[in-house]
């Protein structure tokens, strides 16, 4: 099992930027596809972005394309989410997740039910 700890959230004005980090532990991090999800109050958790274990491929939700970038540093066992041109509707708790049921997979998944390891999340609040 991989342990995940998010950081980097905070309060930012609309149009601003934040970079989230997800630090992990466990020997097999570099073999897992990773993702970011978010959950706003009263809403279901939704997919934001995913990245292949090798970092060679990424996948984004339509509402963040061109504004967010997911990346990873396998040597540091860390996943990042760079967020630009933030909007009030981006306000949510952002969670990091590991697709720990498969290793070295080329298939990036976006269902919350397919990710077996989760962090507690970091709050992002965008003011208008």
Foldseek 3Di string as FASTA:
>chain_A
DKAKAKDWADEEAAQAKTKMKIAMDDDQLLFWKKFKWWDDVPGDIWGAKIAASPRPDMDGDPVQPPFWDWGDDVVRRMIMIIGGSDDQVVWTWMKMFTQPVDTRDPDDDTDPVRTDYIYPTDTHGYHD
